[in-house]
Every structure is written in structure tokens, then in C-alpha cells.
């Protein structure tokens, strides 16, 4: 079992050029914000609060693209 997870911060203000995905109320978050992938962090699961939402398959694909871009491993 994994004891830590990698998370993408969701600051209230994000850098315009940062690889990100926009999350809205339709995605289950209380207000519109962007999950940014330029500062991924691995944290112990015990440091996390309650789950806010679960991303759809489409949003997970967007997240995968953003992670690839942030790590410099995208094909483009």
C-alpha cells in the first residue's frame, strides 16, 4: 500500500504560463481554480484532508498532459 501521494497544488491565483487544468463547480470543487503542475509535491497520505472531488477521465487525461509538459517529457 502506498503511504504517500503526489499532488498538484490548487492556488487561488496561478501563473499564466504554468501547466495546469482548470477545475470548476461542475468538477466538484467549491469554486473555480486551477490545479498547477509546475510544483508537484509528494506528501504523506496522513497530511491530506478529506477528498474534495474525483477527476473525470477527461480531466485525468488533461492532468496527464500537464504532468508530461511539466516534467519535459511531452512529445511536442
Protein backbone atom coordinates (compact mmCIF):
# COMPACT_ATOMS: atom_id res chain seq x y z
CA UNK A 1 0.00 0.00 0.00
CA UNK A 2 1.26 3.48 -0.85
CA UNK A 3 1.81 5.73 2.14
CA UNK A 4 2.30 8.93 0.17
CA UNK A 5 0.73 10.55 -2.88
CA UNK A 6 1.79 13.15 -5.42
CA UNK A 7 -0.45 16.19 -5.51
CA UNK A 8 -0.83 19.25 -7.72
CA UNK A 9 -1.45 22.42 -5.71
CA UNK A 10 -4.60 24.43 -6.44
CA UNK A 11 -3.66 28.00 -5.50
CA UNK A 12 -6.24 30.77 -5.69
CA UNK A 13 -4.03 32.55 -8.24
CA UNK A 14 -1.94 30.62 -10.71
CA UNK A 15 0.89 31.62 -13.00
CA UNK A 16 -0.37 32.13 -16.54
CA UNK A 17 2.36 30.00 -18.16
CA UNK A 18 2.22 27.14 -15.65
CA UNK A 19 0.98 23.77 -16.93
CA UNK A 20 -2.46 23.47 -15.38
CA UNK A 21 -6.02 22.24 -15.66
CA UNK A 22 -8.99 24.40 -14.76
CA UNK A 23 -11.45 22.95 -12.26
CA UNK A 24 -14.96 24.38 -11.86
CA UNK A 25 -18.03 23.65 -9.77
CA UNK A 26 -19.01 21.15 -12.50
CA UNK A 27 -15.87 19.21 -11.49
CA UNK A 28 -16.98 19.16 -7.85
CA UNK A 29 -14.81 21.93 -6.40
CA UNK A 30 -16.45 24.74 -4.41
CA UNK A 31 -15.05 27.50 -6.66
CA UNK A 32 -13.16 27.74 -9.94
CA UNK A 33 -9.42 27.26 -9.62
CA UNK A 34 -6.54 25.70 -11.49
CA UNK A 35 -4.54 22.65 -10.48
CA UNK A 36 -0.97 23.61 -11.32
CA UNK A 37 1.60 21.01 -12.29
CA UNK A 38 4.79 23.07 -12.15
CA UNK A 39 5.21 22.44 -8.40
CA UNK A 40 4.13 18.83 -7.86
CA UNK A 41 4.62 17.61 -4.29
CA UNK A 42 4.72 14.17 -2.74
CA UNK A 43 3.14 14.15 0.70
CA UNK A 44 2.18 11.52 3.27
CA UNK A 45 -1.46 10.48 2.92
CA UNK A 46 -1.97 11.37 6.58
CA UNK A 47 -1.26 15.04 5.74
CA UNK A 48 -4.28 15.21 3.42
CA UNK A 49 -7.74 16.25 4.49
CA UNK A 50 -11.00 14.93 3.10
CA UNK A 51 -11.24 14.37 -0.65
CA UNK A 52 -12.78 17.34 -2.40
CA UNK A 53 -13.54 15.69 -5.73
CA UNK A 54 -12.58 12.90 -8.11
CA UNK A 55 -11.50 13.89 -11.60
CA UNK A 56 -13.32 12.58 -14.65
CA UNK A 57 -11.46 10.51 -17.22
CA UNK A 58 -11.24 13.59 -19.46
CA UNK A 59 -9.75 15.73 -16.68
CA UNK A 60 -7.31 12.94 -15.79
CA UNK A 61 -6.12 12.94 -19.42
CA UNK A 62 -5.65 16.71 -19.18
CA UNK A 63 -3.72 16.21 -15.93
CA UNK A 64 -1.51 13.59 -17.59
CA UNK A 65 -0.72 16.01 -20.41
CA UNK A 66 0.08 18.76 -17.89
CA UNK A 67 2.37 16.44 -15.89
CA UNK A 68 4.20 15.37 -19.07
CA UNK A 69 4.69 19.01 -20.03
CA UNK A 70 5.86 19.96 -16.51
CA UNK A 71 8.41 17.13 -16.50
CA UNK A 72 9.59 17.90 -20.02
CA UNK A 73 8.53 14.52 -21.35
CA UNK A 74 5.76 15.62 -23.70
CA UNK A 75 6.03 14.61 -27.34
CA UNK A 76 5.63 18.14 -28.71
